[in-house]
C-alpha atoms as a PDB file:
ATOM      1  CA  MET A   1     -15.900 -34.249 111.139  1.00  0.00           C
ATOM      2  CA  ALA A   2     -16.274 -31.225 113.427  1.00  0.00           C
ATOM      3  CA  LYS A   3     -16.383 -27.834 111.791  1.00  0.00           C
ATOM      4  CA  ILE A   4     -14.045 -25.162 113.296  1.00  0.00           C
ATOM      5  CA  SER A   5     -15.598 -21.752 113.730  1.00  0.00           C
ATOM      6  CA  PRO A   6     -13.730 -18.810 112.122  1.00  0.00           C
ATOM      7  CA  LEU A   7     -14.127 -16.978 115.436  1.00  0.00           C
ATOM      8  CA  VAL A   8     -11.698 -19.462 116.975  1.00  0.00           C
ATOM      9  CA  VAL A   9      -9.059 -19.081 114.227  1.00  0.00           C
ATOM     10  CA  ILE A  10      -9.157 -15.343 113.471  1.00  0.00           C
ATOM     11  CA  PRO A  11      -7.955 -13.895 116.855  1.00  0.00           C
ATOM     12  CA  PRO A  12      -4.804 -16.057 117.051  1.00  0.00           C
ATOM     13  CA  ALA A  13      -4.033 -15.297 113.393  1.00  0.00           C
ATOM     14  CA  ILE A  14      -4.339 -11.552 114.003  1.00  0.00           C
ATOM     15  CA  PHE A  15      -2.173 -11.846 117.113  1.00  0.00           C
ATOM     16  CA  ALA A  16       0.513 -13.767 115.197  1.00  0.00           C
ATOM     17  CA  ALA A  17       0.531 -11.185 112.385  1.00  0.00           C
ATOM     18  CA  LEU A  18       0.883  -8.269 114.817  1.00  0.00           C
ATOM     19  CA  ALA A  19       3.599 -10.053 116.780  1.00  0.00           C
ATOM     20  CA  GLY A  20       5.508 -10.594 113.514  1.00  0.00           C
ATOM     21  CA  LEU A  21       5.230  -6.889 112.597  1.00  0.00           C
ATOM     22  CA  PHE A  22       6.385  -5.768 116.039  1.00  0.00           C
ATOM     23  CA  PHE A  23       9.312  -8.194 115.959  1.00  0.00           C
ATOM     24  CA  ALA A  24      10.374  -6.985 112.497  1.00  0.00           C
ATOM     25  CA  GLY A  25      10.207  -3.376 113.731  1.00  0.00           C
ATOM     26  CA  MET A  26      12.415  -4.156 116.713  1.00  0.00           C
ATOM     27  CA  MET A  27      15.033  -5.808 114.499  1.00  0.00           C
ATOM     28  CA  ARG A  28      15.700  -2.646 112.454  1.00  0.00           C
ATOM     29  CA  ASP A  29      19.163  -1.087 112.865  1.00  0.00           C
ATOM     30  CA  ASN A  30      17.798   1.823 114.889  1.00  0.00           C
ATOM     31  CA  PRO A  31      14.116   1.417 115.764  1.00  0.00           C
ATOM     32  CA  ASP A  32      13.883   5.051 116.950  1.00  0.00           C
ATOM     33  CA  GLU A  33      15.131   6.497 113.663  1.00  0.00           C
ATOM     34  CA  LEU A  34      12.648   7.452 110.988  1.00  0.00           C
ATOM     35  CA  PRO A  35      13.852   6.246 107.607  1.00  0.00           C
ATOM     36  CA  SER A  36      14.270   8.899 104.951  1.00  0.00           C
ATOM     37  CA  THR A  37      13.425   8.217 101.344  1.00  0.00           C
ATOM     38  CA  PHE A  38      15.758  11.061 100.349  1.00  0.00           C
ATOM     39  CA  ILE A  39      19.039   9.412 101.337  1.00  0.00           C
ATOM     40  CA  GLY A  40      21.108   9.153  98.157  1.00  0.00           C
ATOM     41  CA  ARG A  41      18.778  11.464  96.221  1.00  0.00           C
ATOM     42  CA  PRO A  42      18.914  15.168  95.393  1.00  0.00           C
ATOM     43  CA  ALA A  43      17.750  17.420  98.203  1.00  0.00           C
ATOM     44  CA  PRO A  44      14.111  18.510  97.894  1.00  0.00           C
ATOM     45  CA  GLY A  45      13.112  22.080  97.077  1.00  0.00           C
ATOM     46  CA  LEU A  46      13.918  25.058  99.271  1.00  0.00           C
ATOM     47  CA  PRO A  47      11.807  27.967 100.535  1.00  0.00           C
ATOM     48  CA  ASP A  48      11.317  30.932  98.200  1.00  0.00           C
ATOM     49  CA  GLU A  49      12.276  33.449 100.867  1.00  0.00           C
ATOM     50  CA  ALA A  50      14.781  33.960 103.646  1.00  0.00           C
ATOM     51  CA  LEU A  51      14.265  35.075 107.182  1.00  0.00           C
ATOM     52  CA  PRO A  52      14.393  38.890 106.817  1.00  0.00           C
ATOM     53  CA  GLY A  53      17.857  40.283 107.390  1.00  0.00           C
ATOM     54  CA  THR A  54      19.600  37.025 106.405  1.00  0.00           C
ATOM     55  CA  THR A  55      20.969  35.544 103.193  1.00  0.00           C
ATOM     56  CA  MET A  56      18.551  33.288 101.307  1.00  0.00           C
ATOM     57  CA  LEU A  57      19.437  29.590 101.024  1.00  0.00           C
ATOM     58  CA  THR A  58      19.535  28.527  97.360  1.00  0.00           C
ATOM     59  CA  ARG A  59      19.985  25.337  95.369  1.00  0.00           C
ATOM     60  CA  ALA A  60      23.428  26.645  94.352  1.00  0.00           C
ATOM     61  CA  ASP A  61      24.393  26.679  98.060  1.00  0.00           C
ATOM     62  CA  LEU A  62      23.603  22.961  98.273  1.00  0.00           C
ATOM     63  CA  GLU A  63      25.505  22.214  95.063  1.00  0.00           C
ATOM     64  CA  SER A  64      28.567  24.332  95.864  1.00  0.00           C
ATOM     65  CA  GLY A  65      30.950  21.385  96.097  1.00  0.00           C
ATOM     66  CA  GLU A  66      31.041  21.633  99.912  1.00  0.00           C
ATOM     67  CA  VAL A  67      29.180  19.567 102.487  1.00  0.00           C
ATOM     68  CA  THR A  68      26.277  21.525 103.958  1.00  0.00           C
ATOM     69  CA  VAL A  69      24.286  20.863 107.116  1.00  0.00           C
ATOM     70  CA  VAL A  70      20.618  21.897 106.765  1.00  0.00           C
ATOM     71  CA  ASN A  71      18.813  22.376 110.070  1.00  0.00           C
ATOM     72  CA  PHE A  72      15.033  22.788 110.423  1.00  0.00           C
ATOM     73  CA  TRP A  73      14.354  24.851 113.561  1.00  0.00           C
ATOM     74  CA  ALA A  74      11.857  27.144 115.292  1.00  0.00           C
ATOM     75  CA  SER A  75      12.117  29.707 118.082  1.00  0.00           C
ATOM     76  CA  TRP A  76       9.204  28.062 119.942  1.00  0.00           C
ATOM     77  CA  CYS A  77      10.960  24.654 119.971  1.00  0.00           C
ATOM     78  CA  PRO A  78      12.773  23.811 123.273  1.00  0.00           C
ATOM     79  CA  PRO A  79      14.920  21.034 121.676  1.00  0.00           C
ATOM     80  CA  CYS A  80      15.979  23.543 118.991  1.00  0.00           C
ATOM     81  CA  ARG A  81      17.127  25.884 121.734  1.00  0.00           C
ATOM     82  CA  ALA A  82      19.039  23.027 123.385  1.00  0.00           C
ATOM     83  CA  GLU A  83      20.968  22.248 120.181  1.00  0.00           C
ATOM     84  CA  HIS A  84      21.707  25.877 119.276  1.00  0.00           C
ATOM     85  CA  PRO A  85      25.191  25.824 120.896  1.00  0.00           C
ATOM     86  CA  THR A  86      26.030  22.755 118.777  1.00  0.00           C
ATOM     87  CA  LEU A  87      25.102  24.662 115.620  1.00  0.00           C
ATOM     88  CA  HIS A  88      27.399  27.500 116.702  1.00  0.00           C
ATOM     89  CA  ALA A  89      30.208  25.003 117.385  1.00  0.00           C
ATOM     90  CA  LEU A  90      29.805  23.489 113.903  1.00  0.00           C
ATOM     91  CA  THR A  91      29.962  26.942 112.334  1.00  0.00           C
ATOM     92  CA  GLU A  92      33.082  27.766 114.346  1.00  0.00           C
ATOM     93  CA  GLU A  93      34.675  24.588 112.943  1.00  0.00           C
ATOM     94  CA  GLY A  94      34.101  25.963 109.453  1.00  0.00           C
ATOM     95  CA  ILE A  95      31.171  23.699 108.612  1.00  0.00           C
ATOM     96  CA  ARG A  96      28.477  25.256 106.432  1.00  0.00           C
ATOM     97  CA  VAL A  97      25.256  25.294 108.453  1.00  0.00           C
ATOM     98  CA  ALA A  98      22.033  26.498 106.841  1.00  0.00           C
ATOM     99  CA  GLY A  99      18.782  26.964 108.722  1.00  0.00           C
ATOM    100  CA  ILE A 100      15.197  26.614 107.596  1.00  0.00           C
ATOM    101  CA  ASN A 101      12.803  28.273 110.014  1.00  0.00           C
ATOM    102  CA  PHE A 102       9.777  26.015 110.511  1.00  0.00           C
ATOM    103  CA  ARG A 103       6.228  27.280 111.190  1.00  0.00           C
ATOM    104  CA  ASP A 104       7.381  30.202 113.241  1.00  0.00           C
ATOM    105  CA  ASP A 105       6.511  33.839 113.798  1.00  0.00           C
ATOM    106  CA  VAL A 106       9.055  35.890 111.838  1.00  0.00           C
ATOM    107  CA  GLY A 107       9.532  38.416 114.646  1.00  0.00           C
ATOM    108  CA  ASN A 108      10.116  35.687 117.219  1.00  0.00           C
ATOM    109  CA  ALA A 109      12.610  33.942 114.938  1.00  0.00           C
ATOM    110  CA  GLN A 110      14.519  37.178 114.298  1.00  0.00           C
ATOM    111  CA  SER A 111      14.572  38.012 118.015  1.00  0.00           C
ATOM    112  CA  TYR A 112      15.807  34.539 118.863  1.00  0.00           C
ATOM    113  CA  LEU A 113      18.735  34.767 116.432  1.00  0.00           C
ATOM    114  CA  ALA A 114      19.519  38.306 117.611  1.00  0.00           C
ATOM    115  CA  ASP A 115      19.588  37.158 121.252  1.00  0.00           C
ATOM    116  CA  GLU A 116      21.269  33.757 120.860  1.00  0.00           C
ATOM    117  CA  GLY A 117      23.408  34.402 117.776  1.00  0.00           C
ATOM    118  CA  ASP A 118      22.921  33.329 114.179  1.00  0.00           C
ATOM    119  CA  PRO A 119      24.954  30.213 113.283  1.00  0.00           C
ATOM    120  CA  PHE A 120      23.502  30.028 109.738  1.00  0.00           C
ATOM    121  CA  PHE A 121      25.316  31.187 106.597  1.00  0.00           C
ATOM    122  CA  ALA A 122      21.928  31.219 104.838  1.00  0.00           C
ATOM    123  CA  THR A 123      18.298  30.662 105.787  1.00  0.00           C
ATOM    124  CA  GLY A 124      14.953  29.715 104.418  1.00  0.00           C
ATOM    125  CA  LEU A 125      11.575  30.720 105.790  1.00  0.00           C
ATOM    126  CA  ASP A 126       8.872  28.035 105.815  1.00  0.00           C
ATOM    127  CA  PRO A 127       5.991  29.673 107.722  1.00  0.00           C
ATOM    128  CA  ARG A 128       3.337  27.124 106.721  1.00  0.00           C
ATOM    129  CA  GLY A 129       5.586  24.043 106.736  1.00  0.00           C
ATOM    130  CA  ARG A 130       5.106  23.168 103.071  1.00  0.00           C
ATOM    131  CA  VAL A 131       8.810  22.830 102.239  1.00  0.00           C
ATOM    132  CA  SER A 132       9.314  20.869 105.446  1.00  0.00           C
ATOM    133  CA  ILE A 133       6.732  18.352 104.271  1.00  0.00           C
ATOM    134  CA  ASP A 134       8.700  17.914 101.035  1.00  0.00           C
ATOM    135  CA  TRP A 135      11.784  17.113 103.140  1.00  0.00           C
ATOM    136  CA  GLY A 136       9.810  14.672 105.305  1.00  0.00           C
ATOM    137  CA  VAL A 137      10.255  16.805 108.435  1.00  0.00           C
ATOM    138  CA  THR A 138       7.725  15.852 111.083  1.00  0.00           C
ATOM    139  CA  ALA A 139       8.797  18.226 113.875  1.00  0.00           C
ATOM    140  CA  PRO A 140      11.841  20.354 114.532  1.00  0.00           C
ATOM    141  CA  PRO A 141      14.661  20.011 115.051  1.00  0.00           C
ATOM    142  CA  GLU A 142      15.641  17.826 112.130  1.00  0.00           C
ATOM    143  CA  THR A 143      19.013  18.064 110.449  1.00  0.00           C
ATOM    144  CA  PHE A 144      20.289  16.807 107.104  1.00  0.00           C
ATOM    145  CA  ILE A 145      23.814  16.377 105.793  1.00  0.00           C
ATOM    146  CA  ILE A 146      23.993  17.341 102.119  1.00  0.00           C
ATOM    147  CA  ASP A 147      26.926  16.343  99.904  1.00  0.00           C
ATOM    148  CA  GLY A 148      28.627  18.970  97.749  1.00  0.00           C
ATOM    149  CA  ASP A 149      26.539  17.968  94.748  1.00  0.00           C
ATOM    150  CA  GLY A 150      23.212  18.448  96.563  1.00  0.00           C
ATOM    151  CA  THR A 151      22.652  14.794  97.505  1.00  0.00           C
ATOM    152  CA  VAL A 152      21.102  13.974 100.879  1.00  0.00           C
ATOM    153  CA  LEU A 153      23.569  11.804 102.799  1.00  0.00           C
ATOM    154  CA  PHE A 154      22.059  11.612 106.288  1.00  0.00           C
ATOM    155  CA  ARG A 155      18.996  12.593 108.311  1.00  0.00           C
ATOM    156  CA  PHE A 156      19.083  13.250 112.047  1.00  0.00           C
ATOM    157  CA  THR A 157      15.864  13.715 113.998  1.00  0.00           C
ATOM    158  CA  GLY A 158      15.845  15.455 117.355  1.00  0.00           C
ATOM    159  CA  PRO A 159      18.296  17.784 119.015  1.00  0.00           C
ATOM    160  CA  MET A 160      21.987  17.420 118.233  1.00  0.00           C
ATOM    161  CA  ILE A 161      23.187  17.113 121.809  1.00  0.00           C
ATOM    162  CA  GLY A 162      24.953  14.601 124.034  1.00  0.00           C
ATOM    163  CA  SER A 163      25.856  11.052 123.138  1.00  0.00           C
ATOM    164  CA  ASP A 164      23.234  10.814 120.383  1.00  0.00           C
ATOM    165  CA  TYR A 165      25.010  13.647 118.556  1.00  0.00           C
ATOM    166  CA  GLU A 166      28.446  12.160 119.247  1.00  0.00           C
ATOM    167  CA  GLN A 167      27.548   8.587 118.283  1.00  0.00           C
ATOM    168  CA  ARG A 168      25.219   9.129 115.316  1.00  0.00           C
ATOM    169  CA  PHE A 169      25.450  12.591 113.774  1.00  0.00           C
ATOM    170  CA  ARG A 170      29.129  13.384 114.197  1.00  0.00           C
ATOM    171  CA  PRO A 171      30.415  10.141 112.608  1.00  0.00           C
ATOM    172  CA  ALA A 172      28.104  10.700 109.621  1.00  0.00           C
ATOM    173  CA  LEU A 173      29.308  14.290 109.274  1.00  0.00           C
ATOM    174  CA  ASP A 174      32.972  13.297 109.584  1.00  0.00           C
ATOM    175  CA  ALA A 175      32.471  10.615 106.922  1.00  0.00           C
ATOM    176  CA  ALA A 176      30.852  13.155 104.582  1.00  0.00           C
ATOM    177  CA  LEU A 177      33.659  15.651 105.157  1.00  0.00           C
ATOM    178  CA  SER A 178      36.359  13.045 104.476  1.00  0.00           C
ATOM    179  CA  ASP A 179      34.937  12.023 101.088  1.00  0.00           C
END
């Protein structure tokens, strides 16, 4: 009986395993969305300080009984600048929007809000990105919908603009507000 070399079997086996992983990844509901382990759990910790001249975001704000949108942003982030009008529109609708400034220069962040307007009822300052890591934020902008009891309901990565905002974020927010 002829002996089959492992060098003949191993490459096709590796190929089949990788093809299976790629196929499973493509079959997820939204392959572009990063899953969040915080959905359905209490929101992670918050920064210990606010952006100077603003109200500090606290745990009590997240557990106030009202839905809160928490947005991680930075003045140096072009997608954050693109979504800024959406944050203002949400605030004008009466939705509580909080902002956590991510790895930013304090002066630049203050200047940005002074120039473009401050849509946040409260802020947190995360200059080294430690709190952001706890939230699973990889890069701004990232936005979370928090239930009135402080539970994370939804995570949205990227700028809240266009059809992605209308088809993914807005329905999740409307559902949270109607509960």
